[in-house]
Each structure stands twice: as structure tokens, then as C-alpha cells.
Amino acid sequence: MTISESGAESGPEACPETQETERNTARDTAPDTPPPHRPPQGRSPGALLGHALSLYARHWKAFTGVLIGPVAQMVVGVYGSQIINLWLLDQNQALAMRYPWVAIGLTIVVTLLCTGLILRGGWQYMLYWASLCLNAWEAENGQPLDFKKAYQSLSNTKKAPYAILACTYFSLPALALLPFIVLSLLGASLGPNMLELLMIAGVLQSLLLGALWVASLIPLTFTFQIAAFENGLPFNPIHTFLLSSKFVLKQFWKTTCLQITVFLLTNILIPQALVWLFRLLKLSTPLDQLHSWLIQQLVTGMEGEMSFNSLPLWKSLLGEDFSWIRLLSQTLTDLGLSCTLTLLLLPLGTLVFTLLYKDILKCDRSKKTWLGF
């Protein structure tokens, strides 16, 4: 064996420092291994709701301000058609009896004008329902809120398909009232006894359809986000409803939890607290007086057509006197204020579900839902 061969065999055992140096050098020169890819994580329902409330607290004046016009038109139209017609009839009873066609013509004109005001305000409100989604995303990104641009982008480019979509969406609760209306009209033609029976049957059927409509609000959660953010909007609203349902099924429990929370906040907790405050400060007294006058005028006008005492059920509920008018007028006041406040609280729900919609797009790019389609 030569000296060189012997050195080659014994070298590694004799120099462990050399081996350690070589291993460190190889590790330092090796390329960095990239960390495993982790998809973006969506925010929890509490985080989404908290962030939406923070944005709403920062921008609530701007968001609410654009809705005051449409809501005011609807409120004025609803009350105006009743107040003006009843006031004209009360002030000109002799003229109405002498020239009935003049009175009927004035009633039709006033009703048409007020109906046009309601429809105009309702259409503007429906457009804001979707266009505010664009403004909600501007608020999330810290951009200036351009309500006019968002509103015009929807009304100019998607007006016809959006009108079909919105009318279909808002006609669903009207379908729930159809059994009550039809059966009540049928009962009125058959007599007082059948009227009570058919009204009860109509209420039960309408309650069932109403429950189905409330349940359908969950799969239709992202209808207006899709209308606002998608480039093309189909004329067939079924496609939009199905796409919304697919988004919901990607985060079903999160969406359901937020729907229930937002419903409680915007329909019960916040409006009822403000209604209680209005009544405590006696700010709702003028509306009580207005509703009391409307009910008295309505009852006076119906006395010649049908007596309440001819209906046993109504007689037992309302009593012999008209002391119920005060309670009914206060109930109508509270209900009217609550509905108006709920309409003005639309931006809170818009912020919540726009953030959730963007979260789903960012964090879940799979084509399948948890149901497997």
C-alpha cells in the first residue's frame, strides 16, 4: 500500500472538522426551500361584523344621506294619498254628493300622483341597494365615496336586467300575501260569517308562504353584490339567484349567522330602541294624532257600508266603544317609524355582505360547494 493510498483512507477519520465544514458549506450554498403555499384565510363572522360596524360608524352620515331622498318620497306618497283624499272628502262632502264624478276624478289624480312618487322613490332605493355595494368596497379600500358614479354605473349599463332582477326579488313577499288578499275578497262577497273564516285561512296560508320567503333570503344573500360587481348581468334572474346560492353554500354557516345577526340589528334592536326613545321624548305624538285622525275618518266612512258590530269576531276584539283607536294609532306610529328606520339602516347590511362576498372570492376559488356541486 502506498503512502498516498494510506492517507486517503485514514484522512476522513483523522479530520472531522473538515467534514463539518464541508457540510455547513453545502447547507449555506443550497437554495432556500420555499415555504408551503397557504391559501388566504377568511375572516370570522365576529371579525367581519366588527369591521363592518367600524366602517359604518365612520361613514354612516354619507351612506344614510343618499337614502333620505328615496325613503322620503315613499313615505310622503303613502301618507299623502290617504291624507289628501280624506281631507278633500271631509272638507267638500256636499260637493262630493252633488258632483260625485268630480270627487272621483280628484281622488284618482291624487292617487296616481302619490303612486308615481312611491314608485319613483322605490326604484331609486332599489338602485341604491346594489350601487351602495360599490361604495362599501370603496370604504373598505379607503377610497373617496362616489355615490353618484356608482349609482349611474348601475342605472346606465344594467338598467333593464337589474329592473327584472329587483322586481322578481321584491315580488316574493307579495306572493306570500296573495292567499290572504284573495280569500278576504272572496269572504267579503260571501257574507260576514264566511269573511271571518276565510280571513283566518288566508292568514295561515300567508304565514306559511312568509316563512318560506324568509328562509329563501339566505340563499339569495349575494344577489345585489353580484348585480353590482359582475361585468354582465343576465336578463334571466334565475342565473343570478343560482350564483348567489352557490356563493352562500361555500360559507353557509357563516352567511346564515351574519344574516340572523344583521336582521336582528336592523329590524329589531336598533329600530325598536330608537322608537322607544322617540316615544319617551314624545317626538312620536304628532304621528299618533295623524294616525288617530286617519282611523276615525276611515271608520266614519265605513259606518254607512258595514257596521263593525255585524262581525262577532271584530266586536269581541274591539269592544263596544272606540277606545281601541288610541292603541291602534300608537301601534301604527311605532310600526311606521320602525319600517322607516330599517330602510335607512340598509348600508349596515350592505357593508357586512359586501365584505363577506369579497372574502369568499379571495379565499375560496374552488368550483364546488360543501354539498359537492
Protein backbone atom coordinates (compact mmCIF):
# COMPACT_ATOMS: atom_id res chain seq x y z
CA MET A 1 0.00 0.00 0.00
CA THR A 2 1.39 3.43 -0.94
CA ILE A 3 1.62 6.40 1.32
CA SER A 4 -0.99 8.33 -0.65
CA GLU A 5 -3.47 5.47 -0.52
CA SER A 6 -3.00 5.11 3.22
CA GLY A 7 -3.55 8.85 3.69
CA ALA A 8 -6.70 8.75 1.58
CA GLU A 9 -8.18 6.00 3.68
CA SER A 10 -7.31 7.47 7.07
CA GLY A 11 -7.92 11.17 6.17
CA PRO A 12 -11.65 11.37 6.90
CA GLU A 13 -11.26 9.74 10.28
CA ALA A 14 -8.34 11.97 11.15
CA CYS A 15 -10.11 15.31 10.16
CA PRO A 16 -13.74 15.50 11.48
CA GLU A 17 -13.52 19.32 11.44
CA THR A 18 -13.10 19.16 7.67
CA GLN A 19 -16.29 17.06 7.32
CA GLU A 20 -18.31 19.52 9.44
CA THR A 21 -17.00 22.47 7.43
CA GLU A 22 -17.99 20.81 4.16
CA ARG A 23 -21.50 20.07 5.44
CA ASN A 24 -22.00 23.68 6.60
CA THR A 25 -20.75 24.97 3.26
CA ALA A 26 -23.15 22.71 1.35
CA ARG A 27 -26.09 23.82 3.52
CA ASP A 28 -25.24 27.52 3.11
CA THR A 29 -24.89 27.28 -0.66
CA ALA A 30 -28.11 25.25 -1.16
CA PRO A 31 -31.07 27.31 -2.48
CA ASP A 32 -33.72 28.35 0.09
CA THR A 33 -36.70 26.00 0.16
CA PRO A 34 -39.92 28.00 -0.31
CA PRO A 35 -42.47 27.62 2.49
CA PRO A 36 -45.55 25.55 1.70
CA HIS A 37 -48.33 27.53 -0.03
CA ARG A 38 -51.16 28.50 2.30
CA PRO A 39 -54.35 29.94 0.81
CA PRO A 40 -55.65 33.21 2.29
CA GLN A 41 -57.88 32.69 5.31
CA GLY A 42 -61.31 34.25 5.54
CA ARG A 43 -62.33 36.36 8.50
CA SER A 44 -64.62 35.00 11.19
CA PRO A 45 -68.23 36.25 11.46
CA GLY A 46 -67.30 38.33 14.50
CA ALA A 47 -64.35 39.93 12.71
CA LEU A 48 -66.46 40.71 9.63
CA LEU A 49 -69.28 42.19 11.69
CA GLY A 50 -66.90 44.23 13.83
CA HIS A 51 -65.09 45.64 10.80
CA ALA A 52 -68.40 46.44 9.07
CA LEU A 53 -69.65 48.25 12.19
CA SER A 54 -66.39 50.22 12.29
CA LEU A 55 -66.81 51.30 8.65
CA TYR A 56 -70.47 52.14 9.25
CA ALA A 57 -69.64 54.26 12.29
CA ARG A 58 -67.10 56.16 10.15
CA HIS A 59 -69.34 56.73 7.10
CA TRP A 60 -72.94 56.40 8.34
CA LYS A 61 -73.83 60.04 7.62
CA ALA A 62 -72.78 59.77 3.98
CA PHE A 63 -74.47 56.40 3.44
CA THR A 64 -77.69 57.44 5.17
CA GLY A 65 -77.80 60.81 3.43
CA VAL A 66 -78.20 59.34 -0.05
CA LEU A 67 -81.15 57.22 1.13
CA ILE A 68 -83.14 60.02 2.72
CA GLY A 69 -84.50 61.23 -0.64
CA PRO A 70 -85.89 57.87 -1.85
CA VAL A 71 -87.27 56.95 1.58
CA ALA A 72 -88.91 60.38 1.98
CA GLN A 73 -90.62 60.01 -1.41
CA MET A 74 -92.08 56.63 -0.41
CA VAL A 75 -93.27 57.89 2.98
CA VAL A 76 -94.83 61.06 1.52
CA GLY A 77 -96.51 59.03 -1.21
CA VAL A 78 -98.04 56.55 1.22
CA TYR A 79 -99.35 59.15 3.66
CA GLY A 80 -100.18 61.77 1.03
CA SER A 81 -102.63 59.56 -0.86
CA GLN A 82 -104.63 58.96 2.33
CA ILE A 83 -104.37 62.38 3.95
CA ILE A 84 -105.21 64.45 0.86
CA ASN A 85 -108.09 62.27 -0.29
CA LEU A 86 -109.69 62.06 3.16
CA TRP A 87 -109.16 65.79 3.76
CA LEU A 88 -110.78 66.71 0.44
CA LEU A 89 -113.71 64.43 1.19
CA ASP A 90 -114.10 65.85 4.68
CA GLN A 91 -113.99 69.48 3.50
CA ASN A 92 -116.27 69.04 0.48
CA GLN A 93 -118.84 66.43 1.45
CA ALA A 94 -121.71 68.42 -0.04
CA LEU A 95 -119.78 68.98 -3.28
CA ALA A 96 -118.87 65.29 -3.44
CA MET A 97 -122.52 64.28 -3.07
CA ARG A 98 -123.65 66.80 -5.67
CA TYR A 99 -120.82 66.17 -8.17
CA PRO A 100 -119.60 62.62 -7.46
CA TRP A 101 -117.62 62.34 -10.69
CA VAL A 102 -115.59 65.42 -9.75
CA ALA A 103 -114.75 63.86 -6.39
CA ILE A 104 -113.84 60.56 -8.04
CA GLY A 105 -111.66 62.35 -10.59
CA LEU A 106 -109.77 64.27 -7.89
CA THR A 107 -109.27 61.05 -5.94
CA ILE A 108 -107.85 59.29 -8.99
CA VAL A 109 -105.49 62.18 -9.78
CA VAL A 110 -104.18 62.38 -6.20
CA THR A 111 -103.79 58.61 -6.00
CA LEU A 112 -101.89 58.44 -9.30
CA LEU A 113 -99.55 61.27 -8.31
CA CYS A 114 -98.80 59.68 -4.94
CA THR A 115 -98.36 56.25 -6.53
CA GLY A 116 -95.90 57.73 -9.01
CA LEU A 117 -93.98 59.27 -6.12
CA ILE A 118 -93.87 55.90 -4.32
CA LEU A 119 -92.67 54.10 -7.46
CA ARG A 120 -90.01 56.73 -8.16
CA GLY A 121 -88.65 56.57 -4.64
CA GLY A 122 -88.84 52.78 -4.61
CA TRP A 123 -86.89 52.48 -7.87
CA GLN A 124 -84.18 54.83 -6.63
CA TYR A 125 -83.97 52.86 -3.40
CA MET A 126 -83.63 49.57 -5.31
CA LEU A 127 -80.79 51.03 -7.39
CA TYR A 128 -79.01 52.19 -4.24
CA TRP A 129 -79.44 48.69 -2.81
CA ALA A 130 -76.88 47.46 -5.36
CA SER A 131 -74.82 50.60 -6.02
CA LEU A 132 -74.01 51.01 -2.32
CA CYS A 133 -72.11 47.72 -2.58
CA LEU A 134 -69.59 49.54 -4.78
CA ASN A 135 -69.36 52.35 -2.23
CA ALA A 136 -68.93 49.81 0.57
CA TRP A 137 -65.88 48.42 -1.22
CA GLU A 138 -64.57 51.97 -1.68
CA ALA A 139 -64.90 52.48 2.07
CA GLU A 140 -63.04 49.22 2.71
CA ASN A 141 -60.15 50.33 0.48
CA GLY A 142 -60.02 53.84 1.93
CA GLN A 143 -61.13 55.47 -1.32
CA PRO A 144 -63.41 58.53 -1.60
CA LEU A 145 -67.09 57.57 -1.67
CA ASP A 146 -68.53 58.44 -5.10
CA PHE A 147 -72.24 57.66 -4.75
CA LYS A 148 -73.22 59.36 -8.00
CA LYS A 149 -70.73 57.39 -10.10
CA ALA A 150 -71.75 54.07 -8.52
CA TYR A 151 -75.45 54.86 -8.99
CA GLN A 152 -75.01 55.88 -12.64
CA SER A 153 -72.81 52.90 -13.46
CA LEU A 154 -75.67 50.64 -12.50
CA SER A 155 -78.54 52.65 -13.95
CA ASN A 156 -76.77 53.27 -17.28
CA THR A 157 -75.26 49.86 -18.04
CA LYS A 158 -77.51 47.34 -16.27
CA LYS A 159 -80.85 49.11 -16.03
CA ALA A 160 -83.10 46.63 -17.84
CA PRO A 161 -81.73 43.33 -16.43
CA TYR A 162 -81.45 44.87 -12.98
CA ALA A 163 -85.07 46.03 -13.10
CA ILE A 164 -86.17 42.45 -13.86
CA LEU A 165 -83.93 41.09 -11.11
CA ALA A 166 -85.11 43.58 -8.47
CA CYS A 167 -88.79 43.22 -9.34
CA THR A 168 -88.54 39.44 -9.12
CA TYR A 169 -86.70 39.63 -5.80
CA PHE A 170 -89.17 42.06 -4.20
CA SER A 171 -92.25 40.31 -5.58
CA LEU A 172 -91.57 37.25 -3.41
CA PRO A 173 -93.09 38.76 -0.21
CA ALA A 174 -96.07 39.97 -2.25
CA LEU A 175 -96.73 36.38 -3.27
CA ALA A 176 -96.87 35.46 0.42
CA LEU A 177 -99.71 37.97 0.95
CA LEU A 178 -101.70 36.69 -2.03
CA PRO A 179 -103.71 33.97 -0.19
CA PHE A 180 -104.83 36.45 2.50
CA ILE A 181 -105.92 39.05 -0.07
CA VAL A 182 -107.74 36.58 -2.33
CA LEU A 183 -109.55 34.76 0.48
CA SER A 184 -110.51 38.03 2.18
CA LEU A 185 -112.05 39.38 -1.01
CA LEU A 186 -113.87 36.10 -1.54
CA GLY A 187 -115.17 36.15 2.04
CA ALA A 188 -116.38 39.74 1.69
CA SER A 189 -118.58 38.67 -1.21
CA LEU A 190 -119.99 35.69 0.70
CA GLY A 191 -121.01 37.47 3.90
CA PRO A 192 -119.69 38.29 7.40
CA ASN A 193 -119.53 34.72 8.68
CA MET A 194 -117.55 33.42 5.70
CA LEU A 195 -115.37 36.56 5.80
CA GLU A 196 -114.01 35.69 9.25
CA LEU A 197 -113.44 32.03 8.35
CA LEU A 198 -111.69 32.75 5.06
CA MET A 199 -109.61 35.54 6.60
CA ILE A 200 -108.25 33.11 9.20
CA ALA A 201 -107.49 30.55 6.48
CA GLY A 202 -105.79 33.23 4.39
CA VAL A 203 -103.66 34.38 7.34
CA LEU A 204 -102.46 30.82 7.99
CA GLN A 205 -101.53 30.24 4.34
CA SER A 206 -99.79 33.60 4.10
CA LEU A 207 -97.81 32.87 7.26
CA LEU A 208 -96.59 29.59 5.74
CA LEU A 209 -95.53 31.29 2.50
CA GLY A 210 -93.97 34.10 4.53
CA ALA A 211 -91.83 31.60 6.43
CA LEU A 212 -90.67 30.09 3.11
CA TRP A 213 -89.81 33.58 1.84
CA VAL A 214 -87.76 34.36 4.95
CA ALA A 215 -85.86 31.09 4.51
CA SER A 216 -85.17 31.98 0.86
CA LEU A 217 -83.40 35.19 1.92
CA ILE A 218 -80.34 33.16 2.96
CA PRO A 219 -79.53 31.62 -0.46
CA LEU A 220 -80.30 34.99 -2.09
CA THR A 221 -77.89 36.88 0.20
CA PHE A 222 -75.43 37.98 -2.52
CA THR A 223 -77.98 38.91 -5.19
CA PHE A 224 -77.16 42.62 -5.11
CA GLN A 225 -73.40 42.13 -4.71
CA ILE A 226 -73.44 40.04 -7.91
CA ALA A 227 -75.51 42.72 -9.66
CA ALA A 228 -73.02 45.40 -8.62
CA PHE A 229 -69.67 43.68 -9.22
CA GLU A 230 -70.25 41.28 -12.12
CA ASN A 231 -69.46 42.73 -15.53
CA GLY A 232 -72.51 41.26 -17.23
CA LEU A 233 -75.95 40.82 -15.70
CA PRO A 234 -78.25 38.29 -17.43
CA PHE A 235 -81.88 39.15 -18.12
CA ASN A 236 -82.97 35.88 -16.53
CA PRO A 237 -82.81 36.47 -12.75
CA ILE A 238 -82.65 32.71 -12.07
CA HIS A 239 -78.97 32.70 -13.09
CA THR A 240 -78.17 35.41 -10.53
CA PHE A 241 -80.15 33.61 -7.82
CA LEU A 242 -78.32 30.34 -8.52
CA LEU A 243 -74.91 32.05 -8.44
CA SER A 244 -75.81 33.69 -5.14
CA SER A 245 -76.86 30.31 -3.74
CA LYS A 246 -73.54 28.81 -4.81
CA PHE A 247 -71.60 31.54 -3.03
CA VAL A 248 -73.72 31.02 0.09
CA LEU A 249 -73.08 27.27 0.07
CA LYS A 250 -69.33 27.93 0.15
CA GLN A 251 -69.75 29.63 3.54
CA PHE A 252 -73.25 28.56 4.57
CA TRP A 253 -72.99 28.73 8.35
CA LYS A 254 -71.05 31.99 8.31
CA THR A 255 -73.60 33.56 5.96
CA THR A 256 -76.55 32.30 8.00
CA CYS A 257 -75.04 33.56 11.23
CA LEU A 258 -74.45 37.01 9.75
CA GLN A 259 -77.92 37.11 8.17
CA ILE A 260 -79.59 36.44 11.51
CA THR A 261 -77.38 38.97 13.30
CA VAL A 262 -77.90 41.72 10.71
CA PHE A 263 -81.66 41.06 10.65
CA LEU A 264 -81.89 41.41 14.42
CA LEU A 265 -79.80 44.59 14.40
CA THR A 266 -81.51 46.39 11.52
CA ASN A 267 -85.10 45.20 12.02
CA ILE A 268 -85.49 44.86 15.79
CA LEU A 269 -82.71 46.04 18.11
CA ILE A 270 -81.70 49.41 16.64
CA PRO A 271 -85.17 50.50 15.32
CA GLN A 272 -87.03 49.48 18.47
CA ALA A 273 -84.51 51.27 20.69
CA LEU A 274 -84.95 54.47 18.63
CA VAL A 275 -88.77 54.08 18.58
CA TRP A 276 -88.73 53.75 22.38
CA LEU A 277 -86.56 56.88 22.59
CA PHE A 278 -88.93 58.83 20.31
CA ARG A 279 -91.90 57.84 22.48
CA LEU A 280 -90.01 58.70 25.67
CA LEU A 281 -89.23 62.17 24.30
CA LYS A 282 -92.81 62.48 22.92
CA LEU A 283 -91.49 63.01 19.39
CA SER A 284 -93.97 60.47 18.04
CA THR A 285 -97.05 62.28 19.40
CA PRO A 286 -97.81 64.14 16.11
CA LEU A 287 -97.80 60.83 14.25
CA ASP A 288 -100.14 59.35 16.87
CA GLN A 289 -102.57 62.19 16.26
CA LEU A 290 -102.32 61.78 12.50
CA HIS A 291 -102.99 58.04 12.67
CA SER A 292 -105.89 58.61 15.05
CA TRP A 293 -107.46 61.07 12.61
CA LEU A 294 -106.97 58.67 9.68
CA ILE A 295 -108.59 55.79 11.57
CA GLN A 296 -111.55 57.93 12.65
CA GLN A 297 -112.11 59.10 9.09
CA LEU A 298 -111.90 55.54 7.82
CA VAL A 299 -114.33 54.21 10.45
CA THR A 300 -116.77 57.06 9.81
CA GLY A 301 -116.71 56.33 6.10
CA MET A 302 -117.27 52.61 6.65
CA GLU A 303 -120.19 53.02 9.05
CA GLY A 304 -122.60 53.51 6.18
CA GLU A 305 -121.27 50.47 4.33
CA MET A 306 -120.72 47.91 7.09
CA SER A 307 -121.07 48.03 10.85
CA PHE A 308 -118.27 46.54 12.92
CA ASN A 309 -120.89 45.12 15.27
CA SER A 310 -122.15 42.88 12.47
CA LEU A 311 -118.91 40.89 12.73
CA PRO A 312 -118.85 38.90 16.01
CA LEU A 313 -115.09 38.40 15.97
CA TRP A 314 -114.34 42.08 15.50
CA LYS A 315 -116.91 43.00 18.15
CA SER A 316 -115.26 40.77 20.73
CA LEU A 317 -111.76 42.07 19.89
CA LEU A 318 -112.52 45.79 19.67
CA GLY A 319 -115.28 46.17 22.24
CA GLU A 320 -118.38 48.30 22.16
CA ASP A 321 -116.67 51.70 22.15
CA PHE A 322 -113.81 53.12 20.08
CA SER A 323 -111.17 53.27 22.82
CA TRP A 324 -109.08 50.92 20.67
CA ILE A 325 -108.38 53.75 18.23
CA ARG A 326 -105.73 55.25 20.52
CA LEU A 327 -103.93 51.94 20.92
CA LEU A 328 -104.11 51.21 17.18
CA SER A 329 -102.80 54.68 16.27
CA GLN A 330 -99.79 54.24 18.58
CA THR A 331 -99.12 50.81 17.11
CA LEU A 332 -99.21 52.21 13.57
CA THR A 333 -96.84 55.01 14.62
CA ASP A 334 -94.33 52.59 16.10
CA LEU A 335 -94.60 50.31 13.07
CA GLY A 336 -94.16 53.19 10.61
CA LEU A 337 -91.14 54.57 12.43
CA SER A 338 -89.59 51.12 12.72
CA CYS A 339 -90.01 50.41 8.99
CA THR A 340 -88.56 53.80 8.05
CA LEU A 341 -85.53 53.30 10.29
CA THR A 342 -85.00 49.81 8.88
CA LEU A 343 -84.95 51.25 5.36
CA LEU A 344 -82.32 53.80 6.42
CA LEU A 345 -80.17 51.07 8.02
CA LEU A 346 -79.64 49.34 4.65
CA PRO A 347 -75.92 50.36 4.45
CA LEU A 348 -75.03 48.30 7.52
CA GLY A 349 -76.15 45.07 5.87
CA THR A 350 -74.57 46.17 2.60
CA LEU A 351 -71.18 46.59 4.28
CA VAL A 352 -71.38 43.21 6.04
CA PHE A 353 -72.29 41.15 2.99
CA THR A 354 -70.02 43.02 0.59
CA LEU A 355 -67.07 42.19 2.86
CA LEU A 356 -68.22 38.57 3.09
CA TYR A 357 -68.70 38.37 -0.70
CA LYS A 358 -65.15 39.62 -1.32
CA ASP A 359 -63.82 37.27 1.35
CA ILE A 360 -65.37 34.28 -0.41
CA LEU A 361 -63.95 35.35 -3.77
CA LYS A 362 -60.48 35.80 -2.26
CA CYS A 363 -60.31 32.71 -0.05
CA ASP A 364 -62.35 30.04 -1.83
CA ARG A 365 -61.58 29.66 -5.52
CA SER A 366 -62.86 26.09 -5.79
CA LYS A 367 -65.75 25.46 -8.13
CA LYS A 368 -67.53 23.10 -5.75
CA THR A 369 -69.54 23.84 -2.66
CA TRP A 370 -69.74 21.82 0.52
CA LEU A 371 -72.72 19.97 -0.99
CA GLY A 372 -70.48 18.74 -3.80
CA PHE A 373 -71.64 20.83 -6.78
